[in-house]
């Protein structure tokens, strides 16, 4: 899966296993260049993260409901209503996004066309 934000294409990994959801970007020291998508996720924390990230929360149709730019370590986003997907993205991704707009999600089968 990929997100197209402006003219930048970001590779997204779907965190659909217990261990992948648990690990996330915890203890990652090198700069984050890819993103994570958490389906069925209405809240997150950034405890034990080594760097800030951008967070986007959407509904099932990828309509942006909440944006958190430069979200630092040791913070919590408590459960939000109507949120279905939570995306953890590299810094700077939220600058070109707006609440109420749709995320431009590209799936691998769409890549070939």
N, C-alpha and C. Protein backbone atom coordinates (compact mmCIF):
# COMPACT_ATOMS: atom_id res chain seq x y z
N UNK A 1 0.85 -1.16 0.00
CA UNK A 1 0.00 0.00 0.00
C UNK A 1 0.91 1.24 0.00
N UNK A 2 0.44 2.29 -0.64
CA UNK A 2 1.17 3.55 -0.70
C UNK A 2 0.21 4.70 -0.44
N UNK A 3 0.74 5.79 0.08
CA UNK A 3 -0.01 7.04 0.19
C UNK A 3 0.66 8.04 -0.73
N UNK A 4 -0.15 8.75 -1.49
CA UNK A 4 0.38 9.81 -2.31
C UNK A 4 -0.02 11.13 -1.66
N UNK A 5 1.00 11.87 -1.20
CA UNK A 5 0.77 13.14 -0.52
C UNK A 5 1.55 14.18 -1.30
N UNK A 6 0.83 15.05 -1.99
CA UNK A 6 1.47 16.01 -2.89
C UNK A 6 2.12 15.23 -4.03
N UNK A 7 3.39 15.45 -4.25
CA UNK A 7 4.09 14.68 -5.29
C UNK A 7 4.98 13.61 -4.67
N UNK A 8 4.78 13.34 -3.39
CA UNK A 8 5.57 12.34 -2.67
C UNK A 8 4.75 11.05 -2.50
N UNK A 9 5.39 9.91 -2.72
CA UNK A 9 4.74 8.61 -2.55
C UNK A 9 5.39 7.90 -1.37
N UNK A 10 4.60 7.55 -0.37
CA UNK A 10 5.11 6.94 0.86
C UNK A 10 4.63 5.50 0.94
N UNK A 11 5.57 4.59 1.13
CA UNK A 11 5.21 3.18 1.29
C UNK A 11 4.61 2.98 2.68
N UNK A 12 3.50 2.25 2.73
CA UNK A 12 2.78 2.00 3.98
C UNK A 12 2.72 0.51 4.24
N UNK A 13 3.09 0.11 5.43
CA UNK A 13 2.94 -1.29 5.85
C UNK A 13 1.69 -1.39 6.72
N UNK A 14 0.86 -2.39 6.46
CA UNK A 14 -0.34 -2.60 7.26
C UNK A 14 0.06 -3.42 8.48
N UNK A 15 -0.18 -2.88 9.65
CA UNK A 15 0.14 -3.57 10.90
C UNK A 15 -1.06 -4.42 11.29
N UNK A 16 -1.08 -5.65 10.79
CA UNK A 16 -2.25 -6.50 11.01
C UNK A 16 -1.94 -7.73 11.87
N UNK A 17 -0.75 -7.78 12.47
CA UNK A 17 -0.46 -8.86 13.42
C UNK A 17 -0.24 -8.24 14.80
N UNK A 18 -0.41 -9.03 15.82
CA UNK A 18 -0.25 -8.54 17.18
C UNK A 18 1.13 -7.93 17.39
N UNK A 19 2.17 -8.64 16.98
CA UNK A 19 3.53 -8.17 17.21
C UNK A 19 3.85 -6.92 16.41
N UNK A 20 3.37 -6.82 15.18
CA UNK A 20 3.64 -5.62 14.37
C UNK A 20 2.92 -4.41 14.96
N UNK A 21 1.70 -4.62 15.44
CA UNK A 21 0.96 -3.53 16.07
C UNK A 21 1.63 -3.09 17.37
N UNK A 22 2.15 -4.05 18.10
CA UNK A 22 2.81 -3.75 19.37
C UNK A 22 4.11 -2.98 19.14
N UNK A 23 4.91 -3.41 18.19
CA UNK A 23 6.22 -2.80 17.92
C UNK A 23 6.10 -1.42 17.30
N UNK A 24 5.29 -1.28 16.25
CA UNK A 24 5.16 0.01 15.58
C UNK A 24 6.52 0.60 15.26
N UNK A 25 6.74 1.84 15.67
CA UNK A 25 8.02 2.51 15.49
C UNK A 25 8.80 2.63 16.80
N UNK A 26 8.46 1.77 17.78
CA UNK A 26 9.17 1.82 19.06
C UNK A 26 10.65 1.51 18.85
N UNK A 27 11.49 2.27 19.49
CA UNK A 27 12.95 2.09 19.49
C UNK A 27 13.61 2.25 18.12
N UNK A 28 12.93 2.83 17.14
CA UNK A 28 13.53 3.06 15.82
C UNK A 28 14.41 4.31 15.91
N UNK A 29 15.70 4.14 15.63
CA UNK A 29 16.64 5.25 15.74
C UNK A 29 16.87 5.97 14.42
N UNK A 30 16.87 5.22 13.31
CA UNK A 30 17.11 5.86 12.01
C UNK A 30 15.86 6.65 11.59
N UNK A 31 16.03 7.67 10.76
CA UNK A 31 14.89 8.49 10.34
C UNK A 31 13.78 7.64 9.70
N UNK A 32 12.55 7.92 10.06
CA UNK A 32 11.40 7.17 9.54
C UNK A 32 11.08 7.68 8.14
N UNK A 33 11.07 6.79 7.17
CA UNK A 33 10.81 7.15 5.78
C UNK A 33 9.54 6.50 5.25
N UNK A 34 9.04 5.47 5.95
CA UNK A 34 7.83 4.76 5.53
C UNK A 34 6.75 5.02 6.58
N UNK A 35 5.57 4.46 6.35
CA UNK A 35 4.48 4.64 7.29
C UNK A 35 3.88 3.32 7.72
N UNK A 36 3.05 3.39 8.75
CA UNK A 36 2.32 2.23 9.23
C UNK A 36 0.84 2.55 9.24
N UNK A 37 0.03 1.57 8.88
CA UNK A 37 -1.43 1.70 8.93
C UNK A 37 -1.95 0.69 9.94
N UNK A 38 -2.73 1.18 10.89
CA UNK A 38 -3.34 0.32 11.90
C UNK A 38 -4.85 0.27 11.64
N UNK A 39 -5.35 -0.83 11.06
CA UNK A 39 -6.80 -0.95 10.90
C UNK A 39 -7.47 -1.19 12.27
N UNK A 40 -8.70 -0.79 12.41
CA UNK A 40 -9.48 -0.95 13.65
C UNK A 40 -8.75 -0.34 14.84
N UNK A 41 -8.20 0.86 14.67
CA UNK A 41 -7.40 1.50 15.72
C UNK A 41 -7.90 2.92 15.94
N UNK A 42 -8.41 3.18 17.13
CA UNK A 42 -8.97 4.50 17.44
C UNK A 42 -8.11 5.31 18.38
N UNK A 43 -7.03 4.71 18.92
CA UNK A 43 -6.15 5.44 19.83
C UNK A 43 -4.73 4.87 19.73
N UNK A 44 -3.73 5.69 20.07
CA UNK A 44 -2.35 5.21 20.07
C UNK A 44 -1.56 5.92 21.16
N UNK A 45 -0.36 5.40 21.40
CA UNK A 45 0.58 6.07 22.30
C UNK A 45 1.94 6.11 21.62
N UNK A 46 2.79 6.99 22.10
CA UNK A 46 4.14 7.10 21.53
C UNK A 46 5.19 6.89 22.62
N UNK A 47 4.87 6.14 23.65
CA UNK A 47 5.86 5.84 24.67
C UNK A 47 6.97 4.99 24.06
N UNK A 48 8.20 5.27 24.45
CA UNK A 48 9.41 4.57 24.01
C UNK A 48 9.72 4.78 22.53
N UNK A 49 9.17 5.83 21.94
CA UNK A 49 9.55 6.19 20.57
C UNK A 49 10.70 7.19 20.65
N UNK A 50 11.62 7.07 19.71
CA UNK A 50 12.85 7.88 19.75
C UNK A 50 12.74 9.16 18.94
N UNK A 51 11.66 9.33 18.19
CA UNK A 51 11.53 10.52 17.34
C UNK A 51 10.05 10.84 17.13
N UNK A 52 9.75 12.11 16.82
CA UNK A 52 8.35 12.48 16.57
C UNK A 52 7.88 11.97 15.21
N UNK A 53 6.56 11.85 15.06
CA UNK A 53 5.94 11.39 13.81
C UNK A 53 4.71 12.23 13.54
N UNK A 54 4.15 12.08 12.35
CA UNK A 54 2.85 12.66 12.02
C UNK A 54 1.81 11.54 12.10
N UNK A 55 0.62 11.87 12.58
CA UNK A 55 -0.43 10.88 12.74
C UNK A 55 -1.68 11.37 12.02
N UNK A 56 -2.28 10.46 11.23
CA UNK A 56 -3.51 10.75 10.52
C UNK A 56 -4.53 9.69 10.91
N UNK A 57 -5.71 10.11 11.32
CA UNK A 57 -6.79 9.18 11.67
C UNK A 57 -7.92 9.38 10.69
N UNK A 58 -8.40 8.26 10.09
CA UNK A 58 -9.45 8.33 9.07
C UNK A 58 -10.59 7.39 9.39
N UNK A 59 -11.67 7.54 8.63
CA UNK A 59 -12.78 6.59 8.72
C UNK A 59 -12.52 5.45 7.73
N UNK A 60 -13.52 4.58 7.52
CA UNK A 60 -13.36 3.43 6.62
C UNK A 60 -13.13 3.83 5.18
N UNK A 61 -13.57 5.03 4.79
CA UNK A 61 -13.42 5.50 3.41
C UNK A 61 -12.17 6.36 3.23
N UNK A 62 -11.29 6.37 4.20
CA UNK A 62 -10.04 7.15 4.18
C UNK A 62 -10.27 8.66 4.19
N UNK A 63 -11.40 9.10 4.71
CA UNK A 63 -11.64 10.53 4.90
C UNK A 63 -10.95 10.94 6.20
N UNK A 64 -10.14 11.97 6.14
CA UNK A 64 -9.35 12.39 7.30
C UNK A 64 -10.25 13.00 8.36
N UNK A 65 -10.16 12.46 9.57
CA UNK A 65 -10.93 12.96 10.70
C UNK A 65 -10.06 13.77 11.67
N UNK A 66 -8.81 13.34 11.87
CA UNK A 66 -7.90 14.01 12.80
C UNK A 66 -6.49 14.01 12.22
N UNK A 67 -5.77 15.11 12.43
CA UNK A 67 -4.37 15.23 12.03
C UNK A 67 -3.55 15.66 13.25
N UNK A 68 -2.43 15.00 13.45
CA UNK A 68 -1.51 15.36 14.53
C UNK A 68 -0.13 15.51 13.92
N UNK A 69 0.32 16.73 13.80
CA UNK A 69 1.62 17.01 13.20
C UNK A 69 2.69 17.07 14.29
N UNK A 70 3.84 16.50 14.01
CA UNK A 70 4.99 16.53 14.92
C UNK A 70 4.61 16.02 16.30
N UNK A 71 4.00 14.83 16.34
CA UNK A 71 3.54 14.21 17.59
C UNK A 71 4.74 13.61 18.31
N UNK A 72 5.06 14.13 19.48
CA UNK A 72 6.28 13.75 20.20
C UNK A 72 6.11 12.47 21.01
N UNK A 73 7.23 12.00 21.52
CA UNK A 73 7.27 10.80 22.35
C UNK A 73 6.56 11.04 23.69
N UNK A 74 6.15 9.97 24.30
CA UNK A 74 5.50 9.99 25.63
C UNK A 74 4.14 10.67 25.62
N UNK A 75 3.41 10.55 24.52
CA UNK A 75 2.07 11.14 24.41
C UNK A 75 1.04 10.05 24.12
N UNK A 76 -0.22 10.37 24.37
CA UNK A 76 -1.33 9.44 24.12
C UNK A 76 -2.41 10.17 23.33
N UNK A 77 -2.99 9.48 22.36
CA UNK A 77 -4.22 9.95 21.72
C UNK A 77 -5.30 9.00 22.22
N UNK A 78 -6.22 9.53 23.00
CA UNK A 78 -7.30 8.71 23.54
C UNK A 78 -8.30 8.35 22.44
N UNK A 79 -9.11 7.31 22.65
CA UNK A 79 -10.03 6.84 21.60
C UNK A 79 -10.90 7.95 21.02
N UNK A 80 -10.97 7.96 19.69
CA UNK A 80 -11.77 8.94 18.95
C UNK A 80 -12.91 8.23 18.25
N UNK A 81 -14.07 8.86 18.26
CA UNK A 81 -15.24 8.27 17.60
C UNK A 81 -15.08 8.27 16.09
N UNK A 82 -15.63 7.29 15.44
CA UNK A 82 -15.70 7.14 13.98
C UNK A 82 -14.35 6.84 13.32
N UNK A 83 -13.27 6.75 14.09
CA UNK A 83 -11.95 6.45 13.50
C UNK A 83 -11.87 4.95 13.23
N UNK A 84 -11.37 4.61 12.04
CA UNK A 84 -11.17 3.21 11.67
C UNK A 84 -9.71 2.91 11.39
N UNK A 85 -9.02 3.79 10.65
CA UNK A 85 -7.60 3.61 10.34
C UNK A 85 -6.79 4.70 11.03
N UNK A 86 -5.66 4.29 11.58
CA UNK A 86 -4.70 5.25 12.11
C UNK A 86 -3.39 5.04 11.36
N UNK A 87 -2.85 6.11 10.82
CA UNK A 87 -1.60 6.07 10.06
C UNK A 87 -0.51 6.79 10.84
N UNK A 88 0.63 6.13 11.02
CA UNK A 88 1.82 6.76 11.56
C UNK A 88 2.73 7.06 10.37
N UNK A 89 3.06 8.33 10.18
CA UNK A 89 3.78 8.76 8.98
C UNK A 89 5.04 9.55 9.33
N UNK A 90 5.97 9.66 8.38
CA UNK A 90 7.16 10.49 8.61
C UNK A 90 6.78 11.95 8.82
N UNK A 91 7.66 12.67 9.48
CA UNK A 91 7.42 14.10 9.72
C UNK A 91 7.21 14.86 8.41
N UNK A 92 6.32 15.82 8.44
CA UNK A 92 6.07 16.67 7.29
C UNK A 92 4.91 16.23 6.42
N UNK A 93 4.36 15.07 6.67
CA UNK A 93 3.26 14.57 5.84
C UNK A 93 1.95 15.32 6.09
N UNK A 94 1.73 15.79 7.29
CA UNK A 94 0.47 16.46 7.62
C UNK A 94 0.36 17.86 7.02
N UNK A 95 1.47 18.43 6.58
CA UNK A 95 1.46 19.80 6.06
C UNK A 95 0.56 19.96 4.85
N UNK A 96 0.44 18.93 4.02
CA UNK A 96 -0.34 19.02 2.79
C UNK A 96 -1.70 18.35 2.91
N UNK A 97 -2.09 17.94 4.11
CA UNK A 97 -3.38 17.27 4.32
C UNK A 97 -4.32 18.17 5.08
N UNK A 98 -5.63 17.94 4.89
CA UNK A 98 -6.65 18.72 5.59
C UNK A 98 -7.74 17.80 6.09
N UNK A 99 -8.28 18.12 7.25
CA UNK A 99 -9.39 17.37 7.81
C UNK A 99 -10.58 17.49 6.87
N UNK A 100 -11.26 16.38 6.61
CA UNK A 100 -12.41 16.36 5.71
C UNK A 100 -12.07 15.91 4.30
N UNK A 101 -10.79 15.95 3.94
CA UNK A 101 -10.35 15.49 2.61
C UNK A 101 -10.04 13.99 2.69
N UNK A 102 -9.98 13.35 1.51
CA UNK A 102 -9.65 11.93 1.46
C UNK A 102 -8.16 11.73 1.27
N UNK A 103 -7.64 10.68 1.91
CA UNK A 103 -6.25 10.29 1.67
C UNK A 103 -6.18 9.63 0.31
N UNK A 104 -5.13 9.87 -0.42
CA UNK A 104 -4.92 9.25 -1.72
C UNK A 104 -4.17 7.94 -1.50
N UNK A 105 -4.93 6.85 -1.32
CA UNK A 105 -4.37 5.53 -1.03
C UNK A 105 -4.24 4.75 -2.33
N UNK A 106 -3.04 4.24 -2.58
CA UNK A 106 -2.78 3.42 -3.76
C UNK A 106 -2.46 2.01 -3.30
N UNK A 107 -3.15 1.04 -3.89
CA UNK A 107 -2.87 -0.35 -3.58
C UNK A 107 -1.99 -0.92 -4.68
N UNK A 108 -1.29 -2.01 -4.40
CA UNK A 108 -0.32 -2.55 -5.36
C UNK A 108 -0.91 -2.89 -6.70
N UNK A 109 -2.14 -3.40 -6.74
CA UNK A 109 -2.74 -3.73 -8.03
C UNK A 109 -3.01 -2.48 -8.87
N UNK A 110 -3.19 -1.32 -8.22
CA UNK A 110 -3.38 -0.07 -8.93
C UNK A 110 -2.06 0.48 -9.46
N UNK A 111 -0.96 0.04 -8.86
CA UNK A 111 0.36 0.52 -9.27
C UNK A 111 0.68 0.16 -10.70
N UNK A 112 0.26 -1.03 -11.15
CA UNK A 112 0.58 -1.50 -12.48
C UNK A 112 -0.10 -0.65 -13.56
N UNK A 113 -1.26 -0.06 -13.26
CA UNK A 113 -1.97 0.72 -14.26
C UNK A 113 -1.46 2.12 -14.42
